[in-house]
Amino acid sequence: MRRAIRKAESSGNPAENGQISVSYNGRLEPGETLVWEIEALGGPTDPDDLPSYFSNTTNRPYAYGGVKGVTYRVSDLGVSPNTINAEAVQGTGIFQSPWVGDRTTYTAISFDPDPPAHYPSAYRQSEPFPRTDRNGNPVLDANGQQVIDYANGTRHKNVCRHNPQLGYKVTARLYRPLQFMPVTLPEAIIQMDEVDVLRQEYINHIQSAPESAVVGGRDVDRVVTVPARSALKALSDMPDGDWVDTGTNGYQYSYLLSDGMEQMWTDFQTAWNATSKTITLLNSSSTTTMPTGDDIRVSSSYRNPERQEYYGNATKSLHMMGRALDIAATGVPSLGTSANPTPSFDRGVVFHIVTNAMENNSIAAPYWDMWQLEDIDIATVKNGSGFIDDADGLDNSGSGIADGYERTGHLHLQDDPTKGNHR
């Protein structure tokens, strides 16, 4: 009868740097021996959004690394100790080079994943740089423009040396007396699911940005921690809204971390619904009302650590911790780009009303640590203190709406962890 091998219930999780344990579901009969093999699964080979020389195209199949810290347990010969360090007679455990054990009387084995070091080792916002060949000549795209690369952070999932989805295959070969060929038992496959991969991003982030785990920063006692598996919520369970970045190479996971974002949105909607949608125009006694068809929506909220590094230099961003959200206007013209912004009267009306809602302290939730209106590049209004740049309060277009409102991209809203769980 063939006897299977199984993963032990106490086996570790690669995302927690714990050991993985596999055992033989049976006992060895007299004269039988058992040879263990461990091999990493083949890594991702699909193209990603990183330069080939950073994401290591040639070595992508080997992105899950090898194994380390292998130990045997539970000898059927009754020898002591019952746990012993294992040595390899061949292989390192990387893809296509199985680790083959040196002992043949142990019915269980444990090991640690040994992936390549995360790149980059230190957190730094991804900065564009022109690609050149080995001779220093510009590398051009199909339109004759020099290709621009970004090395740090990624907008993809399961990227070599950034957030690999570690996986291993464990095989046991049973040798019996007087039988030349071994019996290969059904293999065990152990692999991170996407929740593990997302949690591993936090481990990598804390290692590359140690300051993120230290209390302090902008008068908020914030720290970045590794969320528990139970803290991650299925994206499908979130209310309507763009709770994650849905732009180019949209969000790659089906889970996210939310530590009150939905409540913040609900509280803001309460303030919004209680705020008049009619405003008085600048330098005039005339009024205007929010145009029909215009509204507000959640435009962005949660941002996984790799994506945060791709976009920004805030190593303690509350977007990563599920405690911040951005609220944008709908039904208004596109704001354009930082090089060519397109102010809009309709946009200005909406964000003037948004500001009125935020400044209504009888409605605004007390746990809100900070809010600000942000245009394409910088904040324009912060914490109800008026326009940061006086020029934003002017009406150069003569529309009756302050220029700063007309070029606002979204409202950024976040809470203060020091004030406790507000839910």
Protein backbone atom coordinates (compact mmCIF):
# COMPACT_ATOMS: atom_id res chain seq x y z
CA MET A 1 0.00 0.00 0.00
CA ARG A 2 1.31 3.45 -0.86
CA ARG A 3 1.47 5.80 2.09
CA ALA A 4 1.36 9.55 1.52
CA ILE A 5 3.37 12.37 2.96
CA ARG A 6 1.53 15.29 4.50
CA LYS A 7 2.12 18.83 5.69
CA ALA A 8 2.15 19.03 9.47
CA GLU A 9 -0.59 21.15 11.00
CA SER A 10 2.09 23.07 12.89
CA SER A 11 4.02 23.89 9.74
CA GLY A 12 5.26 27.44 9.49
CA ASN A 13 4.21 30.12 7.07
CA PRO A 14 6.90 31.48 4.72
CA ALA A 15 5.47 34.96 5.31
CA GLU A 16 6.27 34.60 9.00
CA ASN A 17 9.74 33.19 8.43
CA GLY A 18 8.55 30.01 10.18
CA GLN A 19 9.67 26.49 9.36
CA ILE A 20 7.74 24.32 6.95
CA SER A 21 7.19 20.77 8.19
CA VAL A 22 6.24 17.66 6.23
CA SER A 23 5.82 14.14 7.59
CA TYR A 24 5.41 10.59 6.31
CA ASN A 25 1.92 9.32 7.04
CA GLY A 26 2.96 5.95 8.40
CA ARG A 27 5.95 4.15 9.93
CA LEU A 28 8.90 2.43 8.38
CA GLU A 29 8.83 -1.34 8.36
CA PRO A 30 12.02 -3.29 9.12
CA GLY A 31 14.55 -2.74 6.36
CA GLU A 32 12.69 0.20 4.78
CA THR A 33 14.41 3.55 4.29
CA LEU A 34 13.12 6.96 3.29
CA VAL A 35 14.99 9.57 1.22
CA TRP A 36 13.71 13.17 1.36
CA GLU A 37 13.95 15.71 -1.47
CA ILE A 38 13.03 19.41 -1.35
CA GLU A 39 12.88 21.62 -4.45
CA ALA A 40 11.66 25.18 -4.95
CA LEU A 41 8.95 25.60 -7.54
CA GLY A 42 9.75 27.46 -10.73
CA GLY A 43 9.54 31.23 -10.25
CA PRO A 44 7.57 33.73 -12.31
CA THR A 45 8.64 34.08 -15.91
CA ASP A 46 6.01 36.57 -17.12
CA PRO A 47 7.20 40.08 -17.99
CA ASP A 48 6.82 42.66 -15.24
CA ASP A 49 7.16 46.42 -15.02
CA LEU A 50 10.82 46.40 -13.95
CA PRO A 51 13.93 46.57 -16.13
CA SER A 52 15.19 43.10 -17.04
CA TYR A 53 18.53 43.71 -15.38
CA PHE A 54 16.78 44.53 -12.08
CA SER A 55 14.17 41.79 -12.14
CA ASN A 56 16.80 39.32 -13.29
CA THR A 57 15.07 37.82 -16.33
CA THR A 58 17.56 34.97 -16.71
CA ASN A 59 17.17 33.88 -13.11
CA ARG A 60 13.41 34.39 -12.74
CA PRO A 61 12.75 30.63 -12.67
CA TYR A 62 15.01 30.49 -9.60
CA ALA A 63 13.37 33.42 -7.78
CA TYR A 64 12.09 31.25 -4.94
CA GLY A 65 15.65 30.40 -3.89
CA GLY A 66 16.66 27.27 -2.04
CA VAL A 67 16.26 25.92 1.49
CA LYS A 68 18.10 26.28 4.78
CA GLY A 69 17.87 25.10 8.37
CA VAL A 70 16.72 21.60 7.40
CA THR A 71 16.13 19.21 10.30
CA TYR A 72 14.90 15.62 10.60
CA ARG A 73 12.46 14.47 13.22
CA VAL A 74 11.02 11.20 14.56
CA SER A 75 13.43 8.38 13.77
CA ASP A 76 11.83 4.94 13.45
CA LEU A 77 15.03 3.40 14.79
CA GLY A 78 14.42 4.99 18.17
CA VAL A 79 17.78 6.68 18.25
CA SER A 80 18.34 9.87 20.22
CA PRO A 81 17.93 12.75 19.56
CA ASN A 82 14.61 12.69 17.71
CA THR A 83 15.54 15.95 15.96
CA ILE A 84 18.80 16.24 14.09
CA ASN A 85 20.30 18.72 11.64
CA ALA A 86 20.14 17.54 8.06
CA GLU A 87 22.84 17.67 5.43
CA ALA A 88 22.45 17.46 1.69
CA VAL A 89 24.12 14.75 -0.33
CA GLN A 90 23.34 16.79 -3.43
CA GLY A 91 21.46 19.89 -4.57
CA THR A 92 20.64 23.22 -2.94
CA GLY A 93 16.87 23.15 -3.15
CA ILE A 94 16.61 25.72 -5.94
CA PHE A 95 14.42 24.99 -8.95
CA GLN A 96 15.80 22.00 -10.90
CA SER A 97 18.37 21.25 -8.19
CA PRO A 98 16.52 19.31 -5.46
CA TRP A 99 17.99 19.15 -1.99
CA VAL A 100 18.49 15.44 -1.27
CA GLY A 101 18.92 14.42 2.37
CA ASP A 102 21.66 12.34 3.93
CA ARG A 103 19.59 10.37 6.47
CA THR A 104 17.14 7.61 5.60
CA THR A 105 15.40 6.66 8.85
CA TYR A 106 13.49 9.83 9.71
CA THR A 107 9.78 10.17 8.93
CA ALA A 108 9.46 13.96 9.16
CA ILE A 109 11.43 16.92 7.91
CA SER A 110 11.36 20.69 8.49
CA PHE A 111 13.05 23.55 6.64
CA ASP A 112 13.19 27.31 6.17
CA PRO A 113 12.78 29.04 2.81
CA ASP A 114 15.98 30.71 1.59
CA PRO A 115 14.94 33.17 -1.15
CA PRO A 116 17.26 35.72 -2.79
CA ALA A 117 17.61 39.00 -0.92
CA HIS A 118 14.93 41.58 -1.63
CA TYR A 119 15.94 44.29 -4.08
CA PRO A 120 16.50 47.08 -3.33
CA SER A 121 17.84 46.57 0.19
CA ALA A 122 16.98 50.14 1.21
CA TYR A 123 13.66 51.87 0.58
CA ARG A 124 13.85 54.67 -1.94
CA GLN A 125 11.09 56.07 -4.10
CA SER A 126 11.36 54.76 -7.61
CA GLU A 127 13.09 57.40 -9.67
CA PRO A 128 13.09 57.47 -13.47
CA PHE A 129 16.41 57.04 -15.20
CA PRO A 130 17.25 56.71 -18.91
CA ARG A 131 18.17 53.24 -20.11
CA THR A 132 21.49 52.78 -21.89
CA ASP A 133 23.21 49.76 -23.37
CA ARG A 134 26.51 48.37 -22.14
CA ASN A 135 28.34 50.96 -24.24
CA GLY A 136 26.46 53.86 -22.71
CA ASN A 137 24.31 54.51 -25.77
CA PRO A 138 20.62 55.41 -25.29
CA VAL A 139 18.12 52.58 -25.72
CA LEU A 140 15.21 53.88 -27.82
CA ASP A 141 11.60 52.73 -28.05
CA ALA A 142 9.63 52.23 -31.27
CA ASN A 143 8.98 55.99 -31.41
CA GLY A 144 12.64 56.89 -31.13
CA GLN A 145 12.34 58.04 -27.51
CA GLN A 146 14.82 56.93 -24.88
CA VAL A 147 13.37 54.22 -22.66
CA ILE A 148 12.91 55.28 -19.01
CA ASP A 149 13.34 52.65 -16.30
CA TYR A 150 12.22 52.41 -12.67
CA ALA A 151 14.07 50.06 -10.37
CA ASN A 152 12.36 50.37 -6.99
CA GLY A 153 8.90 49.18 -6.16
CA THR A 154 6.55 47.43 -8.54
CA ARG A 155 2.95 47.58 -9.67
CA HIS A 156 2.90 43.81 -10.20
CA LYS A 157 2.61 40.74 -8.00
CA ASN A 158 5.04 37.82 -7.78
CA VAL A 159 8.03 39.73 -9.15
CA CYS A 160 11.51 38.29 -8.88
CA ARG A 161 13.41 39.83 -5.92
CA HIS A 162 10.45 42.08 -5.02
CA ASN A 163 7.50 39.95 -3.86
CA PRO A 164 8.02 36.34 -5.00
CA GLN A 165 5.27 33.83 -4.22
CA LEU A 166 7.54 31.26 -2.57
CA GLY A 167 6.68 27.64 -3.17
CA TYR A 168 8.28 24.24 -2.61
CA LYS A 169 7.80 20.62 -3.62
CA VAL A 170 8.70 17.95 -1.05
CA THR A 171 9.15 14.36 -2.24
CA ALA A 172 9.84 11.19 -0.28
CA ARG A 173 11.20 8.03 -1.91
CA LEU A 174 10.57 4.80 -0.02
CA TYR A 175 13.13 1.99 -0.47
CA ARG A 176 12.12 -1.56 0.45
CA PRO A 177 14.30 -4.66 0.86
CA LEU A 178 14.81 -6.67 -2.30
CA GLN A 179 13.22 -3.93 -4.45
CA PHE A 180 15.63 -2.18 -6.79
CA MET A 181 13.37 0.80 -7.60
CA PRO A 182 11.99 3.04 -4.84
CA VAL A 183 8.34 3.89 -4.36
CA THR A 184 7.89 7.61 -4.94
CA LEU A 185 5.19 8.81 -2.55
CA PRO A 186 2.69 11.53 -3.58
CA GLU A 187 4.53 14.84 -3.28
CA ALA A 188 3.57 17.73 -1.02
CA ILE A 189 3.30 21.20 -2.55
CA ILE A 190 3.68 24.11 -0.14
CA GLN A 191 3.21 27.59 -1.57
CA MET A 192 2.32 31.04 -0.35
CA ASP A 193 -1.17 32.13 -1.20
CA GLU A 194 -1.67 35.78 -2.14
CA VAL A 195 -2.38 36.72 1.48
CA ASP A 196 1.07 35.39 2.43
CA VAL A 197 2.68 37.30 -0.44
CA LEU A 198 0.97 40.53 0.58
CA ARG A 199 2.05 40.08 4.21
CA GLN A 200 5.61 39.35 3.07
CA GLU A 201 5.64 42.79 1.43
CA TYR A 202 5.33 44.28 4.93
CA ILE A 203 8.22 42.17 6.22
CA ASN A 204 10.35 43.35 3.30
CA HIS A 205 9.22 46.95 3.79
CA ILE A 206 10.21 47.03 7.46
CA GLN A 207 13.60 45.54 6.60
CA SER A 208 14.25 48.08 3.84
CA ALA A 209 12.83 51.04 5.81
CA PRO A 210 13.58 50.33 9.50
CA GLU A 211 12.32 53.77 10.49
CA SER A 212 8.83 52.66 9.47
CA ALA A 213 8.65 50.44 12.57
CA VAL A 214 9.74 53.23 14.94
CA VAL A 215 7.16 55.29 16.83
CA GLY A 216 6.91 58.91 15.70
CA GLY A 217 6.54 61.05 12.63
CA ARG A 218 4.43 64.11 11.85
CA ASP A 219 3.17 64.18 15.46
CA VAL A 220 1.52 60.80 14.98
CA ASP A 221 2.75 57.73 16.87
CA ARG A 222 2.50 55.54 13.82
CA VAL A 223 4.38 52.36 13.08
CA VAL A 224 4.21 49.92 10.19
CA THR A 225 3.51 46.37 11.33
CA VAL A 226 2.95 43.06 9.58
CA PRO A 227 -0.82 42.53 9.47
CA ALA A 228 -2.29 39.25 10.65
CA ARG A 229 -3.86 37.07 7.98
CA SER A 230 -7.23 37.70 9.56
CA ALA A 231 -6.75 41.47 9.20
CA LEU A 232 -6.73 41.30 5.40
CA LYS A 233 -10.15 41.68 3.82
CA ALA A 234 -11.42 40.41 0.49
CA LEU A 235 -11.69 43.27 -1.97
CA SER A 236 -15.07 41.91 -3.02
CA ASP A 237 -16.38 42.58 0.51
CA MET A 238 -15.63 46.32 0.31
CA PRO A 239 -18.32 48.90 -0.51
CA ASP A 240 -18.44 50.44 -3.98
CA GLY A 241 -15.43 52.62 -4.73
CA ASP A 242 -11.86 52.47 -5.99
CA TRP A 243 -10.36 51.33 -2.70
CA VAL A 244 -7.14 50.40 -4.51
CA ASP A 245 -5.26 51.85 -7.48
CA THR A 246 -7.10 50.76 -10.60
CA GLY A 247 -4.89 52.63 -13.08
CA THR A 248 -2.18 51.22 -15.32
CA ASN A 249 -1.29 47.68 -14.22
CA GLY A 250 -4.14 47.82 -11.72
CA TYR A 251 -4.08 46.32 -8.25
CA GLN A 252 -2.84 42.74 -8.42
CA TYR A 253 -4.27 41.29 -5.22
CA SER A 254 -7.84 40.35 -4.32
CA TYR A 255 -7.26 41.29 -0.65
CA LEU A 256 -6.40 44.56 1.07
CA LEU A 257 -5.79 45.95 4.54
CA SER A 258 -8.55 48.15 5.95
CA ASP A 259 -8.32 49.56 9.45
CA GLY A 260 -11.38 51.79 9.39
CA MET A 261 -11.37 53.15 5.84
CA GLU A 262 -15.02 52.25 5.34
CA GLN A 263 -16.01 54.08 8.53
CA MET A 264 -14.05 57.15 7.43
CA TRP A 265 -15.94 57.12 4.13
CA THR A 266 -19.28 56.70 5.92
CA ASP A 267 -18.49 59.60 8.26
CA PHE A 268 -17.41 61.83 5.41
CA GLN A 269 -20.60 61.03 3.51
CA THR A 270 -22.56 62.11 6.59
CA ALA A 271 -20.73 65.44 6.60
CA TRP A 272 -21.14 65.78 2.82
CA ASN A 273 -24.87 65.09 2.87
CA ALA A 274 -25.37 67.65 5.63
CA THR A 275 -23.49 70.38 3.76
CA SER A 276 -25.24 72.86 1.48
CA LYS A 277 -24.48 72.33 -2.19
CA THR A 278 -24.85 76.07 -2.87
CA ILE A 279 -21.86 78.40 -2.48
CA THR A 280 -21.26 82.14 -2.86
CA LEU A 281 -18.92 83.16 -5.65
CA LEU A 282 -15.81 85.19 -4.93
CA ASN A 283 -16.09 88.99 -5.19
CA SER A 284 -19.80 88.65 -5.75
CA SER A 285 -23.10 88.20 -4.00
CA SER A 286 -24.10 85.64 -6.61
CA THR A 287 -24.34 81.97 -5.76
CA THR A 288 -23.94 78.75 -7.69
CA THR A 289 -25.02 75.19 -7.04
CA MET A 290 -23.13 71.98 -7.67
CA PRO A 291 -23.79 71.01 -11.30
CA THR A 292 -26.20 68.17 -11.95
CA GLY A 293 -24.35 64.90 -12.48
CA ASP A 294 -21.34 65.87 -10.37
CA ASP A 295 -20.63 63.89 -7.20
CA ILE A 296 -17.84 62.41 -5.08
CA ARG A 297 -16.33 58.94 -4.82
CA VAL A 298 -13.47 57.06 -3.20
CA SER A 299 -10.69 57.28 -5.78
CA SER A 300 -7.91 55.53 -3.90
CA SER A 301 -7.26 54.24 -0.43
CA TYR A 302 -5.20 51.14 0.28
CA ARG A 303 -1.72 50.89 -1.21
CA ASN A 304 0.46 47.79 -0.77
CA PRO A 305 4.10 48.47 0.25
CA GLU A 306 5.69 47.66 -3.12
CA ARG A 307 3.29 49.99 -4.88
CA GLN A 308 3.86 52.68 -2.26
CA GLU A 309 7.59 52.52 -2.91
CA TYR A 310 6.96 52.78 -6.64
CA TYR A 311 4.98 56.00 -6.18
CA GLY A 312 6.25 57.79 -3.09
CA ASN A 313 8.89 58.30 -0.44
CA ALA A 314 6.60 58.18 2.62
CA THR A 315 7.80 55.04 4.38
CA LYS A 316 5.07 55.39 7.02
CA SER A 317 2.21 56.22 4.68
CA LEU A 318 -1.11 55.44 6.30
CA HIS A 319 -2.32 54.31 2.89
CA MET A 320 -0.27 51.15 3.56
CA MET A 321 -1.96 50.64 6.92
CA GLY A 322 -5.52 50.99 5.68
CA ARG A 323 -6.06 54.26 7.56
CA ALA A 324 -6.23 56.80 4.73
CA LEU A 325 -8.39 57.45 1.71
CA ASP A 326 -8.61 59.84 -1.23
CA ILE A 327 -11.93 61.28 -2.36
CA ALA A 328 -12.30 62.59 -5.90
CA ALA A 329 -15.00 64.35 -7.89
CA THR A 330 -17.05 62.58 -10.54
CA GLY A 331 -18.72 64.11 -13.57
CA VAL A 332 -16.07 66.82 -13.91
CA PRO A 333 -13.46 67.26 -16.66
CA SER A 334 -10.12 65.50 -16.29
CA LEU A 335 -7.49 67.47 -14.39
CA GLY A 336 -4.83 66.65 -16.96
CA THR A 337 -1.15 66.31 -16.11
CA SER A 338 1.27 68.26 -13.92
CA ALA A 339 2.88 69.61 -17.09
CA ASN A 340 -0.45 70.70 -18.51
CA PRO A 341 -3.14 70.95 -15.80
CA THR A 342 -6.69 71.80 -16.83
CA PRO A 343 -8.57 73.77 -14.15
CA SER A 344 -12.34 73.35 -14.15
CA PHE A 345 -15.20 75.45 -12.77
CA ASP A 346 -17.25 72.33 -12.02
CA ARG A 347 -14.28 70.78 -10.21
CA GLY A 348 -13.82 73.96 -8.23
CA VAL A 349 -17.44 73.98 -7.09
CA VAL A 350 -17.25 70.36 -5.91
CA PHE A 351 -14.06 70.87 -3.89
CA HIS A 352 -15.26 74.14 -2.42
CA ILE A 353 -18.21 72.15 -1.05
CA VAL A 354 -15.87 69.34 0.07
CA THR A 355 -13.86 71.91 2.04
CA ASN A 356 -17.04 73.27 3.65
CA ALA A 357 -17.95 69.73 4.68
CA MET A 358 -14.53 69.12 6.22
CA GLU A 359 -14.53 72.44 8.08
CA ASN A 360 -17.88 71.73 9.72
CA ASN A 361 -16.42 70.64 13.06
CA SER A 362 -19.82 69.68 14.44
CA ILE A 363 -19.91 66.90 11.84
CA ALA A 364 -16.27 66.02 11.13
CA ALA A 365 -15.16 62.93 13.05
CA PRO A 366 -12.74 63.77 15.90
CA TYR A 367 -10.29 60.98 15.03
CA TRP A 368 -9.32 62.56 11.71
CA ASP A 369 -5.66 63.30 12.18
CA MET A 370 -5.12 65.25 8.98
CA TRP A 371 -6.90 66.18 5.78
CA GLN A 372 -5.83 68.21 2.82
CA LEU A 373 -6.84 69.04 -0.72
CA GLU A 374 -4.20 67.91 -3.17
CA ASP A 375 -3.66 68.87 -6.78
CA ILE A 376 -1.47 66.91 -9.16
CA ASP A 377 1.73 67.78 -7.32
CA ILE A 378 1.16 69.40 -3.93
CA ALA A 379 -1.36 70.10 -1.19
CA THR A 380 -3.42 73.28 -1.60
CA VAL A 381 -5.55 73.33 1.57
CA LYS A 382 -4.67 71.61 4.84
CA ASN A 383 -6.64 71.00 8.04
CA GLY A 384 -9.00 73.92 7.50
CA SER A 385 -6.21 76.51 7.68
CA GLY A 386 -6.99 77.93 4.25
CA PHE A 387 -4.84 77.81 1.16
CA ILE A 388 -1.20 77.01 1.83
CA ASP A 389 -0.19 79.28 -1.04
CA ASP A 390 -2.09 82.57 -0.99
CA ALA A 391 -2.04 82.57 -4.78
CA ASP A 392 -4.33 79.52 -4.77
CA GLY A 393 -7.01 81.63 -3.15
CA LEU A 394 -7.10 84.04 -6.08
CA ASP A 395 -9.57 83.92 -8.95
CA ASN A 396 -7.37 84.59 -11.96
CA SER A 397 -9.89 83.07 -14.34
CA GLY A 398 -12.70 85.34 -13.14
CA SER A 399 -15.00 82.33 -12.65
CA GLY A 400 -15.85 83.19 -9.07
CA ILE A 401 -14.11 80.03 -7.80
CA ALA A 402 -10.65 80.07 -6.22
CA ASP A 403 -7.94 78.74 -8.51
CA GLY A 404 -6.86 76.18 -5.90
CA TYR A 405 -10.26 74.52 -5.90
CA GLU A 406 -10.40 74.41 -9.70
CA ARG A 407 -7.21 72.35 -9.89
CA THR A 408 -7.73 70.08 -6.89
CA GLY A 409 -7.32 66.42 -7.71
CA HIS A 410 -8.70 64.86 -4.54
CA LEU A 411 -9.26 65.18 -0.81
CA HIS A 412 -6.76 63.17 1.26
CA LEU A 413 -8.11 62.05 4.63
CA GLN A 414 -6.36 60.00 7.33
CA ASP A 415 -6.82 59.12 10.98
CA ASP A 416 -4.60 59.14 14.03
CA PRO A 417 -3.68 55.75 15.54
CA THR A 418 -2.92 57.39 18.90
CA LYS A 419 -6.60 58.17 19.37
CA GLY A 420 -7.53 54.52 19.45
CA ASN A 421 -9.80 52.37 17.36
CA HIS A 422 -12.64 54.60 16.29
CA ARG A 423 -14.96 51.80 15.24
